[in-house]
Protein backbone atom coordinates (compact mmCIF):
# COMPACT_ATOMS: atom_id res chain seq x y z
CA MET A 1 -80.75 129.63 23.26
CA PRO A 2 -81.58 126.19 21.86
CA GLU A 3 -84.97 125.56 20.05
CA PRO A 4 -87.68 123.87 21.91
CA LEU A 5 -87.65 120.09 21.52
CA THR A 6 -90.68 118.64 20.00
CA VAL A 7 -91.72 115.20 21.24
CA THR A 8 -94.34 112.93 19.72
CA GLU A 9 -96.71 110.82 21.68
CA ASP A 10 -95.07 107.66 20.50
CA GLN A 11 -91.63 109.09 21.69
CA VAL A 12 -93.24 109.84 25.20
CA ARG A 13 -94.71 106.21 25.40
CA ALA A 14 -91.24 104.81 24.49
CA LEU A 15 -89.58 106.94 27.01
CA ARG A 16 -92.01 105.89 29.65
CA VAL A 17 -91.45 102.27 28.88
CA ALA A 18 -87.66 102.78 29.07
CA LEU A 19 -88.07 104.67 32.41
CA ASP A 20 -90.34 101.95 33.79
CA ALA A 21 -87.73 99.37 33.00
CA LEU A 22 -85.00 101.39 34.62
CA LEU A 23 -86.94 102.66 37.52
CA PRO A 24 -89.95 100.56 38.63
CA ASP A 25 -92.88 102.34 40.17
CA GLU A 26 -91.73 101.46 43.63
CA ARG A 27 -88.37 102.92 43.11
CA ILE A 28 -89.83 106.09 41.79
CA THR A 29 -92.01 106.30 44.75
CA GLN A 30 -89.06 105.82 47.02
CA LEU A 31 -87.15 108.50 45.26
CA THR A 32 -90.05 110.95 45.37
CA ASP A 33 -90.41 110.23 49.21
CA GLU A 34 -86.66 110.68 49.70
CA ARG A 35 -86.77 113.99 47.71
CA ASP A 36 -89.84 115.32 49.78
CA ARG A 37 -88.05 114.20 53.04
CA ALA A 38 -84.80 116.05 52.01
CA ARG A 39 -87.08 119.20 51.17
CA ARG A 40 -88.76 119.02 54.64
CA ILE A 41 -85.24 118.81 56.19
CA ALA A 42 -84.04 121.72 54.20
CA VAL A 43 -87.01 123.84 55.22
CA ALA A 44 -86.37 122.94 58.90
CA LEU A 45 -82.66 123.77 58.58
CA GLU A 46 -83.58 127.18 57.10
CA GLN A 47 -86.04 127.77 59.89
CA GLU A 48 -83.40 126.82 62.57
CA ASN A 49 -80.73 128.91 60.78
CA ALA A 50 -83.12 131.92 60.77
CA GLU A 51 -83.87 131.31 64.57
CA LEU A 52 -80.06 131.03 65.41
CA THR A 53 -79.39 134.28 63.49
CA ARG A 54 -82.16 136.15 65.39
CA GLN A 55 -80.65 134.87 68.75
CA ARG A 56 -77.09 135.83 67.63
CA ASP A 57 -78.36 139.27 66.85
CA ARG A 58 -80.17 139.71 70.10
CA ILE A 59 -77.08 138.42 72.02
CA ALA A 60 -74.81 140.99 69.99
CA ASN A 61 -77.16 143.79 70.85
CA ASP A 62 -77.29 142.82 74.44
CA VAL A 63 -73.47 142.74 74.63
CA VAL A 64 -73.11 146.11 72.96
CA ALA A 65 -75.75 147.67 75.32
CA ALA A 66 -73.99 146.15 78.43
CA LEU A 67 -70.61 147.51 77.45
CA PRO A 68 -69.67 151.08 78.54
CA SER A 69 -68.95 153.53 75.71
CA ARG A 70 -65.37 154.45 74.96
CA ALA A 71 -66.11 157.92 76.08
CA ASP A 72 -67.37 156.65 79.44
CA VAL A 73 -64.29 154.64 80.07
CA LEU A 74 -61.87 157.50 79.18
CA ARG A 75 -63.98 159.86 81.40
CA GLU A 76 -63.65 157.32 84.37
CA ALA A 77 -59.86 157.01 83.61
CA ALA A 78 -59.42 160.71 83.78
CA ALA A 79 -61.20 160.91 87.04
CA LEU A 80 -58.95 158.13 88.42
CA VAL A 81 -55.77 159.88 87.24
CA ALA A 82 -56.99 163.03 88.92
CA ARG A 83 -57.84 161.27 92.08
CA PHE A 84 -54.60 159.25 92.22
CA THR A 85 -52.43 162.32 91.46
CA GLY A 86 -54.60 164.71 93.53
CA ASN A 87 -54.29 167.07 90.76
CA ASP A 88 -57.39 167.66 88.48
CA LEU A 89 -55.16 169.62 86.05
CA ASP A 90 -52.72 166.62 85.54
CA ALA A 91 -51.60 166.36 81.95
CA ASN A 92 -52.75 162.76 81.66
CA ALA A 93 -56.26 163.50 83.06
CA LYS A 94 -56.64 166.38 80.56
CA MET A 95 -55.42 164.11 77.66
CA LEU A 96 -57.98 161.51 78.75
CA ARG A 97 -60.80 164.03 79.02
CA ARG A 98 -59.99 165.36 75.42
CA ALA A 99 -59.93 161.75 74.09
CA ALA A 100 -63.36 161.21 75.77
CA GLU A 101 -64.74 164.32 74.24
CA GLN A 102 -63.48 163.05 70.77
CA ALA A 103 -65.01 159.55 71.31
CA ALA A 104 -68.36 161.04 72.38
CA LYS A 105 -68.69 162.83 68.94
């Protein structure tokens, strides 16, 4: 790590004069205002991003809640196969019921 720089008061004054020549007070004020505006925009964007993330999460939770479970879909398919074939012991219905039991675990 570099050693701290020691600056004399004369060097600070000379630096201030050089900076004033390069950046007059109004330009410094303008740059400061632009920096502050950019910071406010960044904060607003962060807040907007956080709100959009909350909305996305709520929507994703609503979608998951609205979808039937895999087990429910398999049970319904087994019932439809049994009804269609007229045979509750149909191999396909049995297979679907087993899959539903495994999906429910």
